[in-house]
Protein backbone atom coordinates (compact mmCIF):
# COMPACT_ATOMS: atom_id res chain seq x y z
CA MET A 1 -25.72 -19.47 -16.46
CA LYS A 2 -24.46 -20.06 -12.92
CA ARG A 3 -25.90 -18.09 -10.03
CA VAL A 4 -25.05 -14.39 -10.17
CA ILE A 5 -24.16 -12.66 -6.90
CA ASN A 6 -25.92 -9.32 -6.44
CA PHE A 7 -22.87 -7.29 -5.42
CA MET A 8 -24.47 -3.98 -6.32
CA GLY A 9 -27.50 -4.72 -4.16
CA ILE A 10 -25.60 -3.35 -1.15
CA ARG A 11 -23.88 -0.54 -3.02
CA ARG A 12 -25.40 2.13 -0.75
CA VAL A 13 -24.03 0.37 2.33
CA ALA A 14 -20.68 -0.02 0.59
CA PHE A 15 -20.66 3.68 -0.27
CA ALA A 16 -21.40 4.59 3.36
CA VAL A 17 -18.53 2.37 4.58
CA THR A 18 -16.20 3.83 1.96
CA LEU A 19 -17.12 7.38 2.87
CA LEU A 20 -16.65 6.71 6.59
CA LEU A 21 -13.22 5.07 6.14
CA THR A 22 -12.04 7.82 3.81
CA LEU A 23 -13.19 10.65 6.08
CA VAL A 24 -11.67 9.07 9.19
CA SER A 25 -8.39 8.50 7.35
CA LEU A 26 -8.28 12.06 6.00
CA ALA A 27 -9.14 13.48 9.44
CA SER A 28 -6.36 11.46 11.06
CA LEU A 29 -3.87 12.58 8.42
CA ALA A 30 -4.91 16.21 8.92
CA VAL A 31 -4.87 16.15 12.75
CA ARG A 32 -2.24 13.57 13.71
CA GLY A 33 -0.19 13.40 10.53
CA LEU A 34 2.22 10.60 9.69
CA ASN A 35 4.90 9.43 12.09
CA PHE A 36 7.78 9.84 9.65
CA GLY A 37 10.82 7.68 10.24
CA LEU A 38 14.45 8.74 10.09
CA ASP A 39 14.43 8.36 6.31
CA PHE A 40 12.23 11.45 6.15
CA THR A 41 13.02 13.40 9.34
CA GLY A 42 16.78 12.93 9.42
CA GLY A 43 18.92 11.20 12.05
CA THR A 44 21.90 8.95 12.60
CA LEU A 45 22.34 5.38 11.42
CA ILE A 46 24.86 3.24 13.29
CA GLU A 47 26.00 -0.22 12.18
CA LEU A 48 27.44 -2.34 14.99
CA ASN A 49 29.27 -5.66 14.86
CA TYR A 50 29.29 -8.10 17.79
CA GLU A 51 31.84 -10.84 18.25
CA ARG A 52 29.05 -13.37 18.90
CA PRO A 53 25.34 -13.48 17.99
CA VAL A 54 23.21 -11.11 20.04
CA GLU A 55 19.48 -10.81 20.77
CA LEU A 56 17.89 -7.60 19.50
CA SER A 57 15.65 -7.37 22.56
CA SER A 58 18.68 -7.24 24.85
CA VAL A 59 20.24 -4.49 22.71
CA ARG A 60 17.03 -2.44 22.94
CA THR A 61 16.91 -2.91 26.71
CA LYS A 62 20.52 -1.79 27.15
CA LEU A 63 20.03 1.24 24.90
CA GLY A 64 16.90 2.20 26.82
CA ALA A 65 18.78 2.00 30.12
CA ALA A 66 21.49 4.23 28.62
CA GLY A 67 18.95 6.90 27.65
CA TYR A 68 18.34 5.90 24.04
CA GLY A 69 14.81 4.58 24.44
CA ASP A 70 13.71 5.92 21.04
CA ALA A 71 16.34 3.91 19.17
CA LEU A 72 15.17 1.65 16.35
CA VAL A 73 17.14 -1.61 16.49
CA GLN A 74 17.12 -4.25 13.76
CA SER A 75 19.30 -7.06 12.47
CA PHE A 76 21.46 -6.36 9.46
CA GLY A 77 22.42 -9.49 7.57
CA ALA A 78 24.21 -11.78 10.03
CA THR A 79 23.08 -12.32 13.63
CA THR A 80 26.21 -10.49 14.78
CA ASP A 81 25.40 -7.30 12.86
CA VAL A 82 22.96 -4.77 14.32
CA LEU A 83 21.61 -1.56 12.82
CA VAL A 84 20.63 1.25 15.20
CA ARG A 85 18.70 4.34 14.05
CA LEU A 86 18.57 7.38 16.31
CA GLN A 87 17.41 10.97 16.20
CA GLY A 88 20.24 13.47 16.41
CA ASP A 89 23.24 14.72 14.46
CA ASP A 90 26.05 14.29 17.00
CA PRO A 91 29.13 13.01 15.09
CA GLN A 92 30.21 11.12 18.23
CA LEU A 93 26.83 9.42 18.63
CA GLY A 94 28.06 6.11 17.20
CA GLU A 95 30.90 5.81 19.69
CA LYS A 96 28.62 6.89 22.56
CA VAL A 97 26.14 4.14 21.70
CA ALA A 98 28.91 1.54 21.34
CA SER A 99 30.43 2.65 24.64
CA ALA A 100 27.08 2.28 26.41
CA LEU A 101 26.68 -1.22 25.02
CA ARG A 102 30.25 -2.23 25.92
CA GLN A 103 29.74 -1.20 29.52
CA SER A 104 26.63 -3.35 29.84
CA ALA A 105 28.00 -6.38 27.95
CA SER A 106 31.75 -6.76 28.33
CA ASP A 107 31.53 -10.50 27.55
CA ASN A 108 30.48 -9.82 23.92
CA PRO A 109 32.71 -7.09 22.41
CA VAL A 110 31.06 -4.68 19.99
CA THR A 111 32.64 -2.43 17.37
CA VAL A 112 31.27 0.39 15.22
CA LYS A 113 31.44 -0.44 11.50
CA ARG A 114 29.93 2.77 10.13
CA VAL A 115 28.01 5.88 11.15
CA GLU A 116 25.86 7.81 8.66
CA TYR A 117 23.85 10.96 9.18
CA VAL A 118 20.74 11.83 7.15
CA GLY A 119 20.00 15.55 7.34
CA PRO A 120 16.44 16.89 7.65
CA ALA A 121 16.76 18.61 4.26
CA VAL A 122 17.46 15.27 2.59
CA GLY A 123 14.59 13.65 4.49
CA GLU A 124 12.21 16.41 3.45
CA GLU A 125 13.27 15.98 -0.18
CA LEU A 126 12.64 12.23 0.03
CA ARG A 127 9.18 12.87 1.47
CA ASP A 128 8.27 15.38 -1.22
CA GLN A 129 9.59 13.19 -4.02
CA GLY A 130 7.69 10.19 -2.65
CA GLY A 131 4.40 12.12 -2.58
CA LEU A 132 5.04 13.44 -6.08
CA GLY A 133 5.77 9.91 -7.25
CA MET A 134 2.39 8.67 -6.00
CA LEU A 135 0.57 11.55 -7.71
CA LEU A 136 2.39 10.92 -10.98
CA ALA A 137 1.58 7.21 -10.77
CA LEU A 138 -2.14 7.95 -10.30
CA GLY A 139 -2.09 10.44 -13.18
CA ALA A 140 -0.35 7.98 -15.50
CA ILE A 141 -2.87 5.29 -14.58
CA LEU A 142 -5.76 7.63 -15.37
CA VAL A 143 -4.34 8.34 -18.82
CA TYR A 144 -3.58 4.67 -19.52
CA VAL A 145 -6.98 3.31 -18.47
CA ALA A 146 -8.80 6.11 -20.28
CA PHE A 147 -6.86 5.25 -23.46
CA ARG A 148 -7.11 1.48 -23.00
CA PHE A 149 -10.84 1.46 -22.12
CA GLN A 150 -12.70 4.76 -21.79
CA TRP A 151 -12.39 7.85 -19.59
CA LYS A 152 -15.15 6.71 -17.23
CA PHE A 153 -13.15 3.56 -16.53
CA GLY A 154 -10.10 5.75 -15.87
CA CYS A 155 -11.99 7.77 -13.26
CA GLY A 156 -13.17 4.57 -11.59
CA ALA A 157 -9.65 3.15 -11.45
CA VAL A 158 -8.13 6.33 -9.98
CA LEU A 159 -10.87 6.74 -7.35
CA SER A 160 -10.37 3.11 -6.36
CA LEU A 161 -6.60 3.56 -6.03
CA PHE A 162 -7.03 6.86 -4.17
CA HIS A 163 -9.21 5.03 -1.61
CA ASP A 164 -6.60 2.29 -1.15
CA VAL A 165 -3.76 4.76 -0.59
CA ILE A 166 -5.76 6.97 1.79
CA VAL A 167 -6.94 4.03 3.90
CA ALA A 168 -3.40 2.61 4.18
CA LEU A 169 -1.98 6.03 5.13
CA GLY A 170 -4.88 6.58 7.53
CA VAL A 171 -4.12 3.41 9.47
CA PHE A 172 -0.45 4.42 9.81
CA SER A 173 -1.50 7.90 10.90
CA PHE A 174 -4.18 6.81 13.39
CA PHE A 175 -1.92 4.31 15.17
CA GLN A 176 1.23 6.45 14.65
CA ILE A 177 3.12 3.55 13.09
CA PRO A 178 6.53 4.71 11.78
CA PHE A 179 6.37 5.63 8.09
CA ASP A 180 9.65 5.17 6.23
CA LEU A 181 10.86 4.44 2.71
CA THR A 182 9.95 0.75 2.90
CA VAL A 183 6.34 1.67 3.75
CA LEU A 184 6.28 4.14 0.85
CA ALA A 185 7.49 1.35 -1.44
CA ALA A 186 4.67 -0.87 -0.17
CA VAL A 187 2.08 1.84 -0.87
CA LEU A 188 3.34 2.17 -4.45
CA ALA A 189 3.20 -1.62 -4.80
CA VAL A 190 -0.41 -1.57 -3.59
CA ILE A 191 -1.29 0.84 -6.41
CA GLY A 192 -0.06 -1.67 -8.98
CA TYR A 193 -1.73 -4.63 -7.27
CA SER A 194 -5.12 -2.95 -6.93
CA LEU A 195 -5.04 -1.69 -10.52
CA ASN A 196 -4.48 -5.23 -11.77
CA ASP A 197 -7.63 -6.45 -9.99
CA THR A 198 -9.66 -3.51 -11.28
CA ILE A 199 -8.52 -4.00 -14.88
CA VAL A 200 -9.64 -7.64 -14.82
CA VAL A 201 -13.17 -6.65 -13.80
CA PHE A 202 -13.27 -3.74 -16.28
CA ASP A 203 -12.20 -6.00 -19.12
CA ARG A 204 -15.00 -8.46 -18.34
CA ILE A 205 -17.56 -5.64 -18.15
CA ARG A 206 -16.51 -4.38 -21.56
CA GLU A 207 -16.64 -7.87 -23.02
CA ASN A 208 -20.10 -8.52 -21.59
CA PHE A 209 -21.40 -5.31 -23.15
CA ARG A 210 -20.78 -7.03 -26.49
CA LEU A 211 -22.02 -10.48 -25.50
CA LEU A 212 -25.03 -9.55 -23.35
CA ARG A 213 -26.74 -6.87 -25.43
CA LYS A 214 -29.98 -6.67 -23.42
CA VAL A 215 -28.33 -6.52 -19.99
CA GLU A 216 -28.31 -3.21 -18.09
CA LEU A 217 -25.17 -1.79 -16.49
CA VAL A 218 -25.87 -2.87 -12.90
CA GLU A 219 -26.64 -6.44 -13.96
CA ASN A 220 -23.58 -6.45 -16.20
CA ILE A 221 -21.42 -5.44 -13.25
CA ASN A 222 -22.91 -8.20 -11.08
CA ILE A 223 -22.34 -10.80 -13.79
CA SER A 224 -18.80 -9.62 -14.56
CA THR A 225 -17.79 -9.46 -10.89
CA THR A 226 -19.21 -12.93 -10.28
CA GLN A 227 -17.31 -14.32 -13.26
CA THR A 228 -14.02 -12.91 -11.98
CA LEU A 229 -14.69 -13.61 -8.30
CA LEU A 230 -12.80 -16.92 -8.14
CA ARG A 231 -9.74 -15.36 -9.71
CA THR A 232 -9.92 -12.34 -7.36
CA VAL A 233 -10.30 -14.48 -4.23
CA ALA A 234 -7.49 -16.84 -5.24
CA THR A 235 -5.11 -13.97 -5.97
CA SER A 236 -5.98 -12.03 -2.81
CA VAL A 237 -5.80 -15.01 -0.45
CA SER A 238 -2.47 -16.23 -1.81
CA THR A 239 -1.01 -12.71 -1.60
CA LEU A 240 -2.31 -12.19 1.93
CA LEU A 241 -0.78 -15.49 3.07
CA ALA A 242 2.61 -14.46 1.71
CA VAL A 243 2.35 -11.01 3.31
CA LEU A 244 1.20 -12.54 6.60
CA ALA A 245 4.32 -14.72 6.63
CA LEU A 246 6.40 -11.55 6.23
CA MET A 247 4.55 -9.90 9.11
CA LEU A 248 5.11 -12.87 11.42
CA PHE A 249 8.65 -13.88 10.50
CA GLY A 250 10.16 -10.91 8.67
CA GLY A 251 11.20 -9.09 11.81
CA GLU A 252 10.96 -5.44 12.73
CA ALA A 253 12.66 -4.27 9.54
CA LEU A 254 9.81 -5.62 7.36
CA TRP A 255 6.90 -5.04 9.73
CA GLY A 256 5.81 -1.67 8.35
CA PHE A 257 6.31 -2.82 4.76
CA SER A 258 4.25 -5.99 5.20
CA LEU A 259 1.53 -4.21 7.21
CA ALA A 260 1.07 -1.62 4.46
CA LEU A 261 0.83 -4.42 1.89
CA PHE A 262 -1.69 -6.33 4.01
CA ILE A 263 -3.95 -3.30 4.41
CA GLY A 264 -3.54 -2.39 0.75
CA VAL A 265 -4.46 -5.86 -0.53
CA LEU A 266 -7.63 -5.92 1.58
CA ALA A 267 -8.60 -2.39 0.57
CA GLY A 268 -7.72 -3.09 -3.08
CA THR A 269 -9.89 -6.19 -3.26
CA TYR A 270 -12.82 -4.27 -1.79
CA SER A 271 -12.36 -1.18 -3.96
CA SER A 272 -12.08 -3.23 -7.16
CA VAL A 273 -15.52 -4.69 -6.52
CA TYR A 274 -17.30 -1.62 -5.22
CA ILE A 275 -15.59 1.73 -5.66
CA ALA A 276 -14.44 1.21 -9.24
CA ASN A 277 -17.77 -0.28 -10.29
CA LEU A 278 -19.81 2.28 -8.37
CA THR A 279 -18.03 5.04 -10.27
CA LEU A 280 -19.21 3.50 -13.55
CA ILE A 281 -22.79 3.63 -12.23
CA TRP A 282 -22.44 7.25 -11.07
CA LEU A 283 -21.01 8.27 -14.46
CA LYS A 284 -23.79 6.33 -16.22
CA LEU A 285 -21.62 4.18 -18.44
CA THR A 286 -23.55 2.96 -21.49
CA ARG A 287 -22.96 0.54 -24.33
CA ASP A 288 -22.52 3.51 -26.69
CA ASP A 289 -19.52 4.68 -24.66
CA LEU A 290 -17.68 1.53 -25.69
CA ILE A 291 -19.40 0.42 -28.87
CA PRO A 292 -20.46 3.17 -31.29
CA ALA A 293 -23.90 2.63 -32.81
CA ALA A 294 -22.50 2.24 -36.35
CA VAL A 295 -20.12 -0.50 -35.21
CA GLU A 296 -22.87 -2.28 -33.29
CA GLU A 297 -25.17 -2.23 -36.34
CA ALA A 298 -22.39 -3.61 -38.54
CA GLU A 299 -21.74 -6.44 -36.07
CA THR A 300 -25.47 -7.22 -35.98
CA ASP A 301 -25.67 -7.36 -39.78
CA LEU A 302 -22.76 -9.81 -39.91
CA ARG A 303 -24.46 -12.21 -37.51
CA PRO A 304 -26.14 -15.18 -39.26
């Protein structure tokens, strides 16, 4: 057998790091909260069309000089289309913004294509539904893993996913990075990604309980994690490279989405190795939990 890495040898250090990150994230969420974007708080969305391509930085500068420094400016399809998001419910806000831009750039005419207002009630409903969706996803995962493996595995998977979500939300809260629907979508995607990694390790642990009958749980976890390490590293690195490309070249519209994915992939890789496996140790998973004694005796009798 190839060399086995003693992952669980530093499990106390890993637990301390996990506890610290989780507490800091929860404290930040409780004290600072999330910096909800217009999708959740309500506001006005203005789509502008320029006659010629325009730089987003120049649009932001002109809006700031006109008193709209909090405006979120991003490209929308073609380089001549710009999307502006602003707080406020003034029905004339779109024309006021376009007028301010026309005065500062008469050489590149701009027209208003559409103006939409998202009320705070709608934003609050989106926020509540998004939180409920995450809770339902975690509950469904608990039921699935408990049915597919065993309830102790289900607890490990949910604790692992809970850590990933809390850490990602904690980073957005601590640095007050805008949290909108695209970030929420990334957090939900992280749940699926992290679960996939965890299931691979769990499946190998269950298999090794049958193959390595004299191996204790901690050693089984070390062996199983080592056996799946190459697959985990390859998947995580390739995903991080793709997400990093989005962060660097995706523009402002995809920055929050890609950042949440980047944090989630890192946290998910870590939690699949430590948090999920540590939960199995805390709950004292045994061979009998997966292989009833009668079945094990029957398998032994059938061996030559």
